Amino acid sequence: MTRFALLVIVACSIATASSAQDNESGYGPDNPNNETSNFLFPVGSPEALPRKTARELSAAVTNAVVTELKAASAFCGRIKQREYVIDCLAYEHARIAAALPNTGEYAAVKEAVAQTAARLERVVRQNPSRTLPTAPIAQGGSKPRRTARALRPVATEALPKAAAEATRIIQETQTVLIRSTENSQERRRQFQRIVSAMDTGTILLRSI
């Protein structure tokens, strides 16, 4: 199977409901003047992740992280060949982690999300498909997206076990983030929103 053929199989249009949700939340390329839309991704360049300097807790930064975690699950959930979903989630978590600062209040989120990405990649490496090729994933629609690297498929027969392990990894990350809030009520409030957004990933994994 050629790489082009694979893209035809796995690519699908972005759902109208998802586009409407993005517009309603005031996030994304359709809202170039919205501050939140620029915290993680420059408008029109979803793969570019500049290092951010935000150090204090901020509703805007939290909103951006929450939005991107949900968008990541939606993006990966549209892949028709489910063998690619786990590596898609690994890719998306790494992409989000790269946008967060190394120090300050969100450093714990960066570390936890980066570790999640690394552990999800390990699951994929341990359960490789011998028949499906690696390939980038592209989706069209009003806000087209394409992964910057090729995604690696999990073996079809290993998918249930791999998905269960990936679910456990995200759940453990959620626990780590809640524990990192210590005695800060505001930190717990902000991080709890991020933890809740991660539920979209576990819901997706349970569906494959």
C-alpha atoms as a PDB file:
ATOM      1  CA  MET A   1       0.000   0.000   0.000  1.00  0.00           C
ATOM      2  CA  THR A   2       1.410   3.388  -0.945  1.00  0.00           C
ATOM      3  CA  ARG A   3       1.654   6.274   1.492  1.00  0.00           C
ATOM      4  CA  PHE A   4      -0.828   8.218  -0.625  1.00  0.00           C
ATOM      5  CA  ALA A   5      -3.315   5.367  -0.477  1.00  0.00           C
ATOM      6  CA  LEU A   6      -2.957   5.182   3.290  1.00  0.00           C
ATOM      7  CA  LEU A   7      -3.701   8.876   3.622  1.00  0.00           C
ATOM      8  CA  VAL A   8      -6.831   8.400   1.550  1.00  0.00           C
ATOM      9  CA  ILE A   9      -7.943   5.628   3.881  1.00  0.00           C
ATOM     10  CA  VAL A  10      -7.262   7.336   7.181  1.00  0.00           C
ATOM     11  CA  ALA A  11      -8.025  10.940   6.306  1.00  0.00           C
ATOM     12  CA  CYS A  12     -11.503  12.288   6.843  1.00  0.00           C
ATOM     13  CA  SER A  13     -13.149  15.669   6.871  1.00  0.00           C
ATOM     14  CA  ILE A  14     -13.395  17.626  10.084  1.00  0.00           C
ATOM     15  CA  ALA A  15     -16.916  17.355  11.429  1.00  0.00           C
ATOM     16  CA  THR A  16     -19.164  20.381  11.201  1.00  0.00           C
ATOM     17  CA  ALA A  17     -20.018  20.061  14.873  1.00  0.00           C
ATOM     18  CA  SER A  18     -16.352  20.252  15.828  1.00  0.00           C
ATOM     19  CA  SER A  19     -15.826  23.372  13.733  1.00  0.00           C
ATOM     20  CA  ALA A  20     -18.855  24.965  15.337  1.00  0.00           C
ATOM     21  CA  GLN A  21     -17.505  24.147  18.788  1.00  0.00           C
ATOM     22  CA  ASP A  22     -14.146  25.744  17.943  1.00  0.00           C
ATOM     23  CA  ASN A  23     -15.880  28.882  16.765  1.00  0.00           C
ATOM     24  CA  GLU A  24     -18.155  29.006  19.798  1.00  0.00           C
ATOM     25  CA  SER A  25     -15.193  28.759  22.165  1.00  0.00           C
ATOM     26  CA  GLY A  26     -13.467  31.654  20.433  1.00  0.00           C
ATOM     27  CA  TYR A  27     -10.399  29.567  19.687  1.00  0.00           C
ATOM     28  CA  GLY A  28      -8.632  28.868  16.437  1.00  0.00           C
ATOM     29  CA  PRO A  29      -7.643  30.421  13.104  1.00  0.00           C
ATOM     30  CA  ASP A  30     -11.117  31.868  12.620  1.00  0.00           C
ATOM     31  CA  ASN A  31     -10.423  34.168  15.583  1.00  0.00           C
ATOM     32  CA  PRO A  32      -6.992  35.695  14.840  1.00  0.00           C
ATOM     33  CA  ASN A  33      -7.321  38.418  17.446  1.00  0.00           C
ATOM     34  CA  ASN A  34      -8.249  36.082  20.283  1.00  0.00           C
ATOM     35  CA  GLU A  35      -5.479  35.959  22.901  1.00  0.00           C
ATOM     36  CA  THR A  36      -6.079  32.360  23.895  1.00  0.00           C
ATOM     37  CA  SER A  37      -5.610  31.121  20.332  1.00  0.00           C
ATOM     38  CA  ASN A  38      -2.014  32.308  20.366  1.00  0.00           C
ATOM     39  CA  PHE A  39      -0.857  30.751  23.643  1.00  0.00           C
ATOM     40  CA  LEU A  40      -0.039  27.395  22.056  1.00  0.00           C
ATOM     41  CA  PHE A  41      -0.270  27.746  18.315  1.00  0.00           C
ATOM     42  CA  PRO A  42       0.301  30.682  15.982  1.00  0.00           C
ATOM     43  CA  VAL A  43      -2.734  31.271  13.804  1.00  0.00           C
ATOM     44  CA  GLY A  44      -2.579  29.239  10.607  1.00  0.00           C
ATOM     45  CA  SER A  45       0.450  27.236  11.748  1.00  0.00           C
ATOM     46  CA  PRO A  46      -0.723  24.388  14.002  1.00  0.00           C
ATOM     47  CA  GLU A  47       2.630  22.601  13.918  1.00  0.00           C
ATOM     48  CA  ALA A  48       4.707  25.579  15.062  1.00  0.00           C
ATOM     49  CA  LEU A  49       5.127  25.510  18.824  1.00  0.00           C
ATOM     50  CA  PRO A  50       7.138  28.483  20.121  1.00  0.00           C
ATOM     51  CA  ARG A  51       8.495  28.343  23.641  1.00  0.00           C
ATOM     52  CA  LYS A  52       6.106  30.210  25.914  1.00  0.00           C
ATOM     53  CA  THR A  53       7.066  32.435  28.818  1.00  0.00           C
ATOM     54  CA  ALA A  54       3.913  32.283  30.950  1.00  0.00           C
ATOM     55  CA  ARG A  55       4.968  31.541  34.519  1.00  0.00           C
ATOM     56  CA  GLU A  56       1.893  32.254  36.637  1.00  0.00           C
ATOM     57  CA  LEU A  57      -1.432  30.446  36.684  1.00  0.00           C
ATOM     58  CA  SER A  58      -3.690  31.902  34.044  1.00  0.00           C
ATOM     59  CA  ALA A  59      -7.197  31.050  32.912  1.00  0.00           C
ATOM     60  CA  ALA A  60      -6.119  31.849  29.340  1.00  0.00           C
ATOM     61  CA  VAL A  61      -3.220  29.367  29.414  1.00  0.00           C
ATOM     62  CA  THR A  62      -5.368  26.710  31.070  1.00  0.00           C
ATOM     63  CA  ASN A  63      -8.077  27.307  28.476  1.00  0.00           C
ATOM     64  CA  ALA A  64      -5.533  26.805  25.700  1.00  0.00           C
ATOM     65  CA  VAL A  65      -4.254  23.542  27.178  1.00  0.00           C
ATOM     66  CA  VAL A  66      -7.798  22.267  27.710  1.00  0.00           C
ATOM     67  CA  THR A  67      -8.802  23.226  24.177  1.00  0.00           C
ATOM     68  CA  GLU A  68      -5.791  21.508  22.644  1.00  0.00           C
ATOM     69  CA  LEU A  69      -6.227  18.300  24.653  1.00  0.00           C
ATOM     70  CA  LYS A  70      -9.824  18.069  23.479  1.00  0.00           C
ATOM     71  CA  ALA A  71      -8.869  18.941  19.909  1.00  0.00           C
ATOM     72  CA  ALA A  72      -6.142  16.281  20.015  1.00  0.00           C
ATOM     73  CA  SER A  73      -8.634  13.580  20.959  1.00  0.00           C
ATOM     74  CA  ALA A  74     -11.038  14.784  18.284  1.00  0.00           C
ATOM     75  CA  PHE A  75      -8.297  14.769  15.645  1.00  0.00           C
ATOM     76  CA  CYS A  76      -7.105  11.284  16.574  1.00  0.00           C
ATOM     77  CA  GLY A  77     -10.671  10.050  16.903  1.00  0.00           C
ATOM     78  CA  ARG A  78     -11.353  10.817  13.240  1.00  0.00           C
ATOM     79  CA  ILE A  79      -8.722   8.338  12.071  1.00  0.00           C
ATOM     80  CA  LYS A  80     -10.603   5.455  10.505  1.00  0.00           C
ATOM     81  CA  GLN A  81      -7.834   2.899  10.980  1.00  0.00           C
ATOM     82  CA  ARG A  82      -7.764   2.663  14.768  1.00  0.00           C
ATOM     83  CA  GLU A  83      -4.294   1.099  14.781  1.00  0.00           C
ATOM     84  CA  TYR A  84      -2.881   4.628  14.413  1.00  0.00           C
ATOM     85  CA  VAL A  85      -4.814   6.251  17.269  1.00  0.00           C
ATOM     86  CA  ILE A  86      -2.360   5.551  20.100  1.00  0.00           C
ATOM     87  CA  ASP A  87       0.614   7.020  18.263  1.00  0.00           C
ATOM     88  CA  CYS A  88      -1.573   9.934  17.219  1.00  0.00           C
ATOM     89  CA  LEU A  89      -2.279  10.654  20.891  1.00  0.00           C
ATOM     90  CA  ALA A  90       1.436  10.325  21.642  1.00  0.00           C
ATOM     91  CA  TYR A  91       2.218  12.823  18.894  1.00  0.00           C
ATOM     92  CA  GLU A  92      -0.432  15.278  20.084  1.00  0.00           C
ATOM     93  CA  HIS A  93       0.681  15.102  23.729  1.00  0.00           C
ATOM     94  CA  ALA A  94       4.287  15.758  22.701  1.00  0.00           C
ATOM     95  CA  ARG A  95       3.138  18.680  20.570  1.00  0.00           C
ATOM     96  CA  ILE A  96       1.246  20.265  23.462  1.00  0.00           C
ATOM     97  CA  ALA A  97       4.060  19.666  25.953  1.00  0.00           C
ATOM     98  CA  ALA A  98       6.511  21.402  23.631  1.00  0.00           C
ATOM     99  CA  ALA A  99       4.454  24.583  23.835  1.00  0.00           C
ATOM    100  CA  LEU A 100       4.543  24.854  27.616  1.00  0.00           C
ATOM    101  CA  PRO A 101       7.244  26.633  29.653  1.00  0.00           C
ATOM    102  CA  ASN A 102       9.988  24.719  31.431  1.00  0.00           C
ATOM    103  CA  THR A 103       9.562  26.663  34.663  1.00  0.00           C
ATOM    104  CA  GLY A 104       6.719  28.239  36.582  1.00  0.00           C
ATOM    105  CA  GLU A 105       3.270  26.962  37.464  1.00  0.00           C
ATOM    106  CA  TYR A 106       2.800  24.992  34.243  1.00  0.00           C
ATOM    107  CA  ALA A 107       6.132  23.173  34.359  1.00  0.00           C
ATOM    108  CA  ALA A 108       4.434  20.252  36.122  1.00  0.00           C
ATOM    109  CA  VAL A 109       1.884  20.051  33.331  1.00  0.00           C
ATOM    110  CA  LYS A 110       4.617  20.129  30.707  1.00  0.00           C
ATOM    111  CA  GLU A 111       6.539  17.312  32.389  1.00  0.00           C
ATOM    112  CA  ALA A 112       3.449  15.167  32.928  1.00  0.00           C
ATOM    113  CA  VAL A 113       2.181  15.587  29.372  1.00  0.00           C
ATOM    114  CA  ALA A 114       5.646  14.949  27.910  1.00  0.00           C
ATOM    115  CA  GLN A 115       5.974  11.782  29.988  1.00  0.00           C
ATOM    116  CA  THR A 116       2.568  10.671  28.750  1.00  0.00           C
ATOM    117  CA  ALA A 117       3.708  11.124  25.170  1.00  0.00           C
ATOM    118  CA  ALA A 118       6.889   9.124  25.781  1.00  0.00           C
ATOM    119  CA  ARG A 119       5.019   6.290  27.483  1.00  0.00           C
ATOM    120  CA  LEU A 120       2.382   6.126  24.743  1.00  0.00           C
ATOM    121  CA  GLU A 121       5.159   5.938  22.147  1.00  0.00           C
ATOM    122  CA  ARG A 122       6.652   3.049  24.102  1.00  0.00           C
ATOM    123  CA  VAL A 123       3.342   1.175  23.926  1.00  0.00           C
ATOM    124  CA  VAL A 124       3.369   1.608  20.148  1.00  0.00           C
ATOM    125  CA  ARG A 125       6.968   0.407  19.851  1.00  0.00           C
ATOM    126  CA  GLN A 126       6.182  -2.672  21.915  1.00  0.00           C
ATOM    127  CA  ASN A 127       3.181  -3.602  19.766  1.00  0.00           C
ATOM    128  CA  PRO A 128       4.202  -2.772  16.182  1.00  0.00           C
ATOM    129  CA  SER A 129       2.169  -3.714  13.153  1.00  0.00           C
ATOM    130  CA  ARG A 130       4.046  -5.865  10.629  1.00  0.00           C
ATOM    131  CA  THR A 131       1.567  -5.187   7.840  1.00  0.00           C
ATOM    132  CA  LEU A 132       0.445  -1.557   8.013  1.00  0.00           C
ATOM    133  CA  PRO A 133       2.883   1.175   6.918  1.00  0.00           C
ATOM    134  CA  THR A 134       3.895   4.267   8.849  1.00  0.00           C
ATOM    135  CA  ALA A 135       2.551   7.491   7.367  1.00  0.00           C
ATOM    136  CA  PRO A 136       1.552  11.024   8.320  1.00  0.00           C
ATOM    137  CA  ILE A 137      -2.145  11.594   8.872  1.00  0.00           C
ATOM    138  CA  ALA A 138      -3.981  14.408   7.113  1.00  0.00           C
ATOM    139  CA  GLN A 139      -7.499  15.688   7.619  1.00  0.00           C
ATOM    140  CA  GLY A 140      -9.269  18.236   5.478  1.00  0.00           C
ATOM    141  CA  GLY A 141     -12.166  20.542   6.127  1.00  0.00           C
ATOM    142  CA  SER A 142     -12.258  24.196   7.113  1.00  0.00           C
ATOM    143  CA  LYS A 143      -9.253  23.712   9.411  1.00  0.00           C
ATOM    144  CA  PRO A 144      -7.038  21.087   7.745  1.00  0.00           C
ATOM    145  CA  ARG A 145      -4.392  19.397   9.839  1.00  0.00           C
ATOM    146  CA  ARG A 146      -1.517  17.041   9.146  1.00  0.00           C
ATOM    147  CA  THR A 147       0.908  15.389  11.513  1.00  0.00           C
ATOM    148  CA  ALA A 148       4.496  16.600  11.167  1.00  0.00           C
ATOM    149  CA  ARG A 149       5.816  13.044  11.402  1.00  0.00           C
ATOM    150  CA  ALA A 150       4.672   9.646  10.259  1.00  0.00           C
ATOM    151  CA  LEU A 151       2.461   7.780  12.718  1.00  0.00           C
ATOM    152  CA  ARG A 152       3.244   4.180  13.599  1.00  0.00           C
ATOM    153  CA  PRO A 153       0.429   1.631  13.705  1.00  0.00           C
ATOM    154  CA  VAL A 154      -0.144  -0.892  16.459  1.00  0.00           C
ATOM    155  CA  ALA A 155      -0.702  -4.496  15.430  1.00  0.00           C
ATOM    156  CA  THR A 156      -4.431  -5.113  15.000  1.00  0.00           C
ATOM    157  CA  GLU A 157      -4.395  -8.166  17.244  1.00  0.00           C
ATOM    158  CA  ALA A 158      -2.589  -6.209  19.987  1.00  0.00           C
ATOM    159  CA  LEU A 159      -4.858  -3.171  19.833  1.00  0.00           C
ATOM    160  CA  PRO A 160      -7.176  -4.051  22.766  1.00  0.00           C
ATOM    161  CA  LYS A 161      -4.239  -4.680  25.100  1.00  0.00           C
ATOM    162  CA  ALA A 162      -2.348  -1.621  23.878  1.00  0.00           C
ATOM    163  CA  ALA A 163      -5.389   0.616  24.217  1.00  0.00           C
ATOM    164  CA  ALA A 164      -5.947  -0.575  27.784  1.00  0.00           C
ATOM    165  CA  GLU A 165      -2.319   0.199  28.636  1.00  0.00           C
ATOM    166  CA  ALA A 166      -2.579   3.624  27.000  1.00  0.00           C
ATOM    167  CA  THR A 167      -5.719   4.347  29.022  1.00  0.00           C
ATOM    168  CA  ARG A 168      -3.895   3.456  32.225  1.00  0.00           C
ATOM    169  CA  ILE A 169      -1.020   5.777  31.284  1.00  0.00           C
ATOM    170  CA  ILE A 170      -3.315   8.766  30.859  1.00  0.00           C
ATOM    171  CA  GLN A 171      -5.124   7.964  34.099  1.00  0.00           C
ATOM    172  CA  GLU A 172      -1.815   7.832  35.954  1.00  0.00           C
ATOM    173  CA  THR A 173      -0.906  11.212  34.472  1.00  0.00           C
ATOM    174  CA  GLN A 174      -4.167  12.618  35.771  1.00  0.00           C
ATOM    175  CA  THR A 175      -3.313  11.369  39.257  1.00  0.00           C
ATOM    176  CA  VAL A 176       0.182  12.882  39.057  1.00  0.00           C
ATOM    177  CA  LEU A 177      -1.223  16.276  38.085  1.00  0.00           C
ATOM    178  CA  ILE A 178      -3.746  16.332  40.923  1.00  0.00           C
ATOM    179  CA  ARG A 179      -1.054  15.369  43.437  1.00  0.00           C
ATOM    180  CA  SER A 180       1.187  18.146  42.113  1.00  0.00           C
ATOM    181  CA  THR A 181      -1.299  20.796  43.190  1.00  0.00           C
ATOM    182  CA  GLU A 182      -0.187  20.374  46.813  1.00  0.00           C
ATOM    183  CA  ASN A 183      -1.981  22.883  49.047  1.00  0.00           C
ATOM    184  CA  SER A 184      -2.763  25.443  46.365  1.00  0.00           C
ATOM    185  CA  GLN A 185      -6.503  25.753  45.860  1.00  0.00           C
ATOM    186  CA  GLU A 186      -6.075  27.833  42.704  1.00  0.00           C
ATOM    187  CA  ARG A 187      -3.583  25.394  41.222  1.00  0.00           C
ATOM    188  CA  ARG A 188      -5.938  22.522  41.940  1.00  0.00           C
ATOM    189  CA  ARG A 189      -8.790  24.403  40.278  1.00  0.00           C
ATOM    190  CA  GLN A 190      -6.771  25.086  37.136  1.00  0.00           C
ATOM    191  CA  PHE A 191      -5.167  21.645  36.944  1.00  0.00           C
ATOM    192  CA  GLN A 192      -8.490  19.901  37.535  1.00  0.00           C
ATOM    193  CA  ARG A 193      -9.744  21.414  34.283  1.00  0.00           C
ATOM    194  CA  ILE A 194      -6.717  19.998  32.466  1.00  0.00           C
ATOM    195  CA  VAL A 195      -7.226  16.610  34.108  1.00  0.00           C
ATOM    196  CA  SER A 196     -10.882  16.606  33.038  1.00  0.00           C
ATOM    197  CA  ALA A 197      -9.884  17.414  29.451  1.00  0.00           C
ATOM    198  CA  MET A 198      -7.649  14.337  29.468  1.00  0.00           C
ATOM    199  CA  ASP A 199     -10.787  12.240  29.906  1.00  0.00           C
ATOM    200  CA  THR A 200     -11.437  12.759  26.195  1.00  0.00           C
ATOM    201  CA  GLY A 201      -8.341  10.681  25.511  1.00  0.00           C
ATOM    202  CA  THR A 202      -9.384   7.803  27.757  1.00  0.00           C
ATOM    203  CA  ILE A 203     -12.886   7.831  26.266  1.00  0.00           C
ATOM    204  CA  LEU A 204     -11.381   7.561  22.787  1.00  0.00           C
ATOM    205  CA  LEU A 205      -9.066   4.729  23.805  1.00  0.00           C
ATOM    206  CA  ARG A 206     -11.916   2.758  25.330  1.00  0.00           C
ATOM    207  CA  SER A 207     -13.799   2.995  22.027  1.00  0.00           C
ATOM    208  CA  ILE A 208     -11.139   1.232  19.938  1.00  0.00           C
END
